Protein backbone atom coordinates (compact mmCIF):
# COMPACT_ATOMS: atom_id res chain seq x y z
CA UNK A 1 2.07 -2.01 -7.23
CA UNK A 2 5.80 -2.61 -7.36
CA UNK A 3 6.20 -1.37 -3.77
CA UNK A 4 3.43 -3.64 -2.50
CA UNK A 5 4.89 -6.59 -4.40
CA UNK A 6 8.32 -6.09 -2.85
CA UNK A 7 6.79 -5.83 0.63
CA UNK A 8 4.77 -9.03 0.11
CA UNK A 9 7.87 -10.93 -1.00
CA UNK A 10 9.90 -9.56 1.94
CA UNK A 11 7.17 -10.58 4.41
CA UNK A 12 6.78 -14.04 2.89
CA UNK A 13 10.55 -14.61 2.91
CA UNK A 14 10.85 -13.57 6.55
CA UNK A 15 7.90 -15.79 7.50
CA UNK A 16 9.32 -18.79 5.65
CA UNK A 17 12.69 -18.34 7.36
CA UNK A 18 11.08 -17.93 10.78
CA UNK A 19 12.37 -14.38 11.22
CA UNK A 20 10.56 -12.03 13.60
CA UNK A 21 11.33 -8.90 11.58
CA UNK A 22 11.06 -7.97 7.92
CA UNK A 23 14.05 -6.39 6.17
CA UNK A 24 13.72 -2.65 5.46
CA UNK A 25 10.43 -2.40 7.33
CA UNK A 26 9.28 0.33 9.66
CA UNK A 27 8.75 -0.53 13.31
CA UNK A 28 5.90 1.83 14.17
CA UNK A 29 5.02 2.38 17.80
CA UNK A 30 1.80 4.28 17.03
CA UNK A 31 -0.76 4.43 14.24
CA UNK A 32 0.61 7.86 13.24
CA UNK A 33 4.10 6.37 12.82
CA UNK A 34 2.65 3.60 10.66
CA UNK A 35 0.73 6.01 8.43
CA UNK A 36 3.71 8.32 7.95
CA UNK A 37 5.98 5.37 7.07
CA UNK A 38 4.15 4.77 3.76
CA UNK A 39 6.01 6.19 0.74
CA UNK A 40 4.52 9.29 -0.91
CA UNK A 41 3.94 7.53 -4.26
CA UNK A 42 1.30 5.39 -2.56
CA UNK A 43 -0.85 8.51 -2.06
CA UNK A 44 -0.56 9.38 -5.74
CA UNK A 45 -1.69 5.91 -6.82
CA UNK A 46 -4.80 6.16 -4.64
CA UNK A 47 -6.20 9.27 -6.38
CA UNK A 48 -9.33 8.83 -8.48
CA UNK A 49 -8.83 8.62 -12.23
CA UNK A 50 -10.12 11.59 -14.19
């Protein structure tokens, strides 16, 4: 959740300042680019608990 929290804060900050881009964000041109821009640890956190 730390990654998501940082991204939410970065988005909110950019929006509040009227910026059109978010710092350290990917600029995907396709859905594939967007999907591959997500850090690997996100996949690990989505696995079902055993």
